[in-house]
Amino acid sequence: MSAQLASTITCPFCGHQKEEQMPTDACQFFYDCENCQVVIKPKAGDCCVYCSYGTVPCPPIQKGKSCC
């Protein structure tokens, strides 16, 4: 099974949504919302912003592996 690389991330502060391409070789711990300029971090217990705020979890999690 191949991982989906596109995920729509939703800013928890302003609700802005944007589809982004997820990295396959690293976790993305920070994300800058282009609408409200807030730097988003993952929720406690999540490995990256895509697992917390994306429509699709990061590629390692999709494949059943640990992330980072």
C-alpha atoms as a PDB file:
ATOM      1  CA  MET A   1       0.000   0.000   0.000  1.00  0.00           C
ATOM      2  CA  SER A   2       1.406   3.380  -0.929  1.00  0.00           C
ATOM      3  CA  ALA A   3       0.920   6.345   1.364  1.00  0.00           C
ATOM      4  CA  GLN A   4      -1.170   9.353   0.431  1.00  0.00           C
ATOM      5  CA  LEU A   5       1.075  12.399   0.363  1.00  0.00           C
ATOM      6  CA  ALA A   6      -1.541  15.158   0.200  1.00  0.00           C
ATOM      7  CA  SER A   7      -3.340  16.284   3.342  1.00  0.00           C
ATOM      8  CA  THR A   8      -5.554  19.290   3.992  1.00  0.00           C
ATOM      9  CA  ILE A   9      -4.374  20.969   7.158  1.00  0.00           C
ATOM     10  CA  THR A  10      -6.791  23.095   9.193  1.00  0.00           C
ATOM     11  CA  CYS A  11      -5.478  25.841  11.447  1.00  0.00           C
ATOM     12  CA  PRO A  12      -6.914  25.322  14.952  1.00  0.00           C
ATOM     13  CA  PHE A  13      -6.787  29.076  15.577  1.00  0.00           C
ATOM     14  CA  CYS A  14      -8.518  30.594  12.544  1.00  0.00           C
ATOM     15  CA  GLY A  15      -9.938  27.592  10.653  1.00  0.00           C
ATOM     16  CA  HIS A  16      -7.993  28.297   7.455  1.00  0.00           C
ATOM     17  CA  GLN A  17      -7.531  25.177   5.325  1.00  0.00           C
ATOM     18  CA  LYS A  18      -4.870  24.390   2.770  1.00  0.00           C
ATOM     19  CA  GLU A  19      -3.848  21.222   0.969  1.00  0.00           C
ATOM     20  CA  GLU A  20      -0.161  20.485   1.483  1.00  0.00           C
ATOM     21  CA  GLN A  21       2.245  17.786   0.349  1.00  0.00           C
ATOM     22  CA  MET A  22       3.612  15.872   3.329  1.00  0.00           C
ATOM     23  CA  PRO A  23       7.315  15.086   3.548  1.00  0.00           C
ATOM     24  CA  THR A  24       8.186  11.396   3.305  1.00  0.00           C
ATOM     25  CA  ASP A  25      11.584  11.633   4.979  1.00  0.00           C
ATOM     26  CA  ALA A  26      10.868  13.776   8.069  1.00  0.00           C
ATOM     27  CA  CYS A  27       8.118  14.814  10.456  1.00  0.00           C
ATOM     28  CA  GLN A  28       6.774  18.324  10.197  1.00  0.00           C
ATOM     29  CA  PHE A  29       6.609  19.574  13.767  1.00  0.00           C
ATOM     30  CA  PHE A  30       5.882  23.224  12.925  1.00  0.00           C
ATOM     31  CA  TYR A  31       3.474  24.718  10.399  1.00  0.00           C
ATOM     32  CA  ASP A  32       3.042  28.426   9.668  1.00  0.00           C
ATOM     33  CA  CYS A  33      -0.578  29.327   8.942  1.00  0.00           C
ATOM     34  CA  GLU A  34      -0.537  31.628   5.937  1.00  0.00           C
ATOM     35  CA  ASN A  35      -3.800  33.248   7.048  1.00  0.00           C
ATOM     36  CA  CYS A  36      -3.273  34.156  10.736  1.00  0.00           C
ATOM     37  CA  GLN A  37       0.539  33.770  10.846  1.00  0.00           C
ATOM     38  CA  VAL A  38       0.411  31.520  13.957  1.00  0.00           C
ATOM     39  CA  VAL A  39       3.002  28.740  14.194  1.00  0.00           C
ATOM     40  CA  ILE A  40       1.085  25.509  14.789  1.00  0.00           C
ATOM     41  CA  LYS A  41       2.564  22.598  16.771  1.00  0.00           C
ATOM     42  CA  PRO A  42       1.173  19.050  17.104  1.00  0.00           C
ATOM     43  CA  LYS A  43      -1.230  18.136  19.885  1.00  0.00           C
ATOM     44  CA  ALA A  44       0.275  16.279  22.848  1.00  0.00           C
ATOM     45  CA  GLY A  45       0.899  12.663  21.859  1.00  0.00           C
ATOM     46  CA  ASP A  46       0.931  13.307  18.107  1.00  0.00           C
ATOM     47  CA  CYS A  47       4.152  13.158  16.109  1.00  0.00           C
ATOM     48  CA  CYS A  48       3.463  15.954  13.639  1.00  0.00           C
ATOM     49  CA  VAL A  49       1.008  18.651  12.572  1.00  0.00           C
ATOM     50  CA  TYR A  50      -0.525  16.380   9.916  1.00  0.00           C
ATOM     51  CA  CYS A  51      -1.469  13.778  12.519  1.00  0.00           C
ATOM     52  CA  SER A  52      -3.062  16.525  14.634  1.00  0.00           C
ATOM     53  CA  TYR A  53      -4.683  18.840  12.092  1.00  0.00           C
ATOM     54  CA  GLY A  54      -4.564  17.137   8.708  1.00  0.00           C
ATOM     55  CA  THR A  55      -7.197  15.127   6.867  1.00  0.00           C
ATOM     56  CA  VAL A  56      -4.627  12.358   6.337  1.00  0.00           C
ATOM     57  CA  PRO A  57      -2.000  11.250   8.893  1.00  0.00           C
ATOM     58  CA  CYS A  58       1.698  11.346   7.963  1.00  0.00           C
ATOM     59  CA  PRO A  59       3.135   8.610   5.692  1.00  0.00           C
ATOM     60  CA  PRO A  60       4.886   6.565   8.431  1.00  0.00           C
ATOM     61  CA  ILE A  61       1.680   6.396  10.508  1.00  0.00           C
ATOM     62  CA  GLN A  62      -0.313   5.413   7.388  1.00  0.00           C
ATOM     63  CA  LYS A  63       2.086   2.505   6.924  1.00  0.00           C
ATOM     64  CA  GLY A  64       1.751   1.409  10.550  1.00  0.00           C
ATOM     65  CA  LYS A  65       5.241   2.496  11.542  1.00  0.00           C
ATOM     66  CA  SER A  66       6.348   4.804  14.282  1.00  0.00           C
ATOM     67  CA  CYS A  67       6.967   8.345  13.179  1.00  0.00           C
ATOM     68  CA  CYS A  68      10.236  10.169  13.763  1.00  0.00           C
END
